[in-house]
Amino acid sequence: MNINDFITKVEAEFEDVTPGTLTPTTILKEAFTWDSVNALIFLAHVNVEYDVEISANELIEAETVQDLYNLVESKMIITA
């Protein structure tokens, strides 16, 4: 996984995000309507796509797209 693939998948998951508009430094609260429904969508997406579980508190603490990426990446199990 790399940040660009992550961004592409996140953009595809949310109807209110125009593809190609997110960058690693995008402030989440400015790019999304971060309500409980979108939070659940994101948590489910991460669980299905990356087999990672993150908590609501961890999601709340993330300020940028890069923060989300780092969080997901830190929880991924790497098997080599």
C-alpha atoms as a PDB file:
ATOM      1  CA  MET A   1       0.000   0.000   0.000  1.00  0.00           C
ATOM      2  CA  ASN A   2       1.152   3.516  -0.720  1.00  0.00           C
ATOM      3  CA  ILE A   3      -0.401   6.890   0.036  1.00  0.00           C
ATOM      4  CA  ASN A   4      -1.636   7.458  -3.530  1.00  0.00           C
ATOM      5  CA  ASP A   5      -3.485   4.132  -3.658  1.00  0.00           C
ATOM      6  CA  PHE A   6      -4.944   4.841  -0.229  1.00  0.00           C
ATOM      7  CA  ILE A   7      -6.181   8.265  -1.350  1.00  0.00           C
ATOM      8  CA  THR A   8      -7.731   6.850  -4.519  1.00  0.00           C
ATOM      9  CA  LYS A   9      -9.650   4.245  -2.521  1.00  0.00           C
ATOM     10  CA  VAL A  10     -10.823   6.774   0.056  1.00  0.00           C
ATOM     11  CA  GLU A  11     -12.013   9.139  -2.687  1.00  0.00           C
ATOM     12  CA  ALA A  12     -13.951   6.307  -4.319  1.00  0.00           C
ATOM     13  CA  GLU A  13     -15.627   5.408  -1.030  1.00  0.00           C
ATOM     14  CA  PHE A  14     -17.145   8.832  -0.320  1.00  0.00           C
ATOM     15  CA  GLU A  15     -19.697  10.415  -2.621  1.00  0.00           C
ATOM     16  CA  ASP A  16     -19.013  13.938  -1.348  1.00  0.00           C
ATOM     17  CA  VAL A  17     -15.314  13.804  -2.297  1.00  0.00           C
ATOM     18  CA  THR A  18     -14.358  14.622  -5.864  1.00  0.00           C
ATOM     19  CA  PRO A  19     -11.721  12.189  -7.167  1.00  0.00           C
ATOM     20  CA  GLY A  20      -8.312  13.818  -7.450  1.00  0.00           C
ATOM     21  CA  THR A  21      -8.931  16.424  -4.746  1.00  0.00           C
ATOM     22  CA  LEU A  22      -7.353  14.760  -1.716  1.00  0.00           C
ATOM     23  CA  THR A  23      -3.670  15.058  -0.910  1.00  0.00           C
ATOM     24  CA  PRO A  24      -1.708  13.783   2.085  1.00  0.00           C
ATOM     25  CA  THR A  25      -1.962  17.221   3.711  1.00  0.00           C
ATOM     26  CA  THR A  26      -5.718  17.603   3.214  1.00  0.00           C
ATOM     27  CA  ILE A  27      -7.427  18.468   6.498  1.00  0.00           C
ATOM     28  CA  LEU A  28     -10.125  15.849   7.008  1.00  0.00           C
ATOM     29  CA  LYS A  29     -12.717  18.177   8.531  1.00  0.00           C
ATOM     30  CA  GLU A  30     -12.431  20.432   5.483  1.00  0.00           C
ATOM     31  CA  ALA A  31     -12.718  17.628   2.920  1.00  0.00           C
ATOM     32  CA  PHE A  32     -15.419  15.435   4.472  1.00  0.00           C
ATOM     33  CA  THR A  33     -18.646  15.787   6.271  1.00  0.00           C
ATOM     34  CA  TRP A  34     -17.272  13.881   9.260  1.00  0.00           C
ATOM     35  CA  ASP A  35     -20.512  12.697  10.759  1.00  0.00           C
ATOM     36  CA  SER A  36     -21.175   9.343  12.392  1.00  0.00           C
ATOM     37  CA  VAL A  37     -22.310   7.761   9.118  1.00  0.00           C
ATOM     38  CA  ASN A  38     -19.146   8.726   7.244  1.00  0.00           C
ATOM     39  CA  ALA A  39     -17.021   7.635  10.181  1.00  0.00           C
ATOM     40  CA  LEU A  40     -18.680   4.208  10.116  1.00  0.00           C
ATOM     41  CA  ILE A  41     -18.225   4.007   6.348  1.00  0.00           C
ATOM     42  CA  PHE A  42     -14.534   4.757   6.718  1.00  0.00           C
ATOM     43  CA  LEU A  43     -14.066   2.271   9.578  1.00  0.00           C
ATOM     44  CA  ALA A  44     -15.829  -0.450   7.568  1.00  0.00           C
ATOM     45  CA  HIS A  45     -13.817   0.405   4.444  1.00  0.00           C
ATOM     46  CA  VAL A  46     -10.521   0.097   6.316  1.00  0.00           C
ATOM     47  CA  ASN A  47     -11.595  -3.162   7.892  1.00  0.00           C
ATOM     48  CA  VAL A  48     -12.633  -4.743   4.576  1.00  0.00           C
ATOM     49  CA  GLU A  49      -9.936  -3.252   2.344  1.00  0.00           C
ATOM     50  CA  TYR A  50      -6.929  -3.547   4.658  1.00  0.00           C
ATOM     51  CA  ASP A  51      -8.073  -6.029   7.336  1.00  0.00           C
ATOM     52  CA  VAL A  52      -7.390  -3.371   9.956  1.00  0.00           C
ATOM     53  CA  GLU A  53      -9.543  -2.253  12.848  1.00  0.00           C
ATOM     54  CA  ILE A  54      -9.243   1.280  14.133  1.00  0.00           C
ATOM     55  CA  SER A  55     -11.222   2.829  16.923  1.00  0.00           C
ATOM     56  CA  ALA A  56     -13.479   5.839  16.724  1.00  0.00           C
ATOM     57  CA  ASN A  57     -11.073   7.697  19.016  1.00  0.00           C
ATOM     58  CA  GLU A  58      -8.150   6.976  16.704  1.00  0.00           C
ATOM     59  CA  LEU A  59     -10.207   8.237  13.788  1.00  0.00           C
ATOM     60  CA  ILE A  60     -11.114  11.414  15.669  1.00  0.00           C
ATOM     61  CA  GLU A  61      -7.451  12.083  16.460  1.00  0.00           C
ATOM     62  CA  ALA A  62      -6.449  11.974  12.787  1.00  0.00           C
ATOM     63  CA  GLU A  63      -6.311  15.469  11.342  1.00  0.00           C
ATOM     64  CA  THR A  64      -5.032  14.860   7.814  1.00  0.00           C
ATOM     65  CA  VAL A  65      -5.246  12.192   5.144  1.00  0.00           C
ATOM     66  CA  GLN A  66      -1.599  11.384   5.936  1.00  0.00           C
ATOM     67  CA  ASP A  67      -2.565  10.796   9.581  1.00  0.00           C
ATOM     68  CA  LEU A  68      -5.213   8.293   8.470  1.00  0.00           C
ATOM     69  CA  TYR A  69      -2.775   6.565   6.151  1.00  0.00           C
ATOM     70  CA  ASN A  70      -0.141   6.336   8.888  1.00  0.00           C
ATOM     71  CA  LEU A  71      -2.707   4.929  11.302  1.00  0.00           C
ATOM     72  CA  VAL A  72      -3.881   2.249   8.886  1.00  0.00           C
ATOM     73  CA  GLU A  73      -0.354   1.376   7.818  1.00  0.00           C
ATOM     74  CA  SER A  74       0.815   1.066  11.434  1.00  0.00           C
ATOM     75  CA  LYS A  75      -1.868  -1.537  12.103  1.00  0.00           C
ATOM     76  CA  MET A  76      -1.361  -3.640   8.999  1.00  0.00           C
ATOM     77  CA  ILE A  77       0.155  -7.062   9.552  1.00  0.00           C
ATOM     78  CA  ILE A  78       3.015  -7.536   7.175  1.00  0.00           C
ATOM     79  CA  THR A  79       3.640 -11.093   6.126  1.00  0.00           C
ATOM     80  CA  ALA A  80       6.732 -11.733   4.098  1.00  0.00           C
END
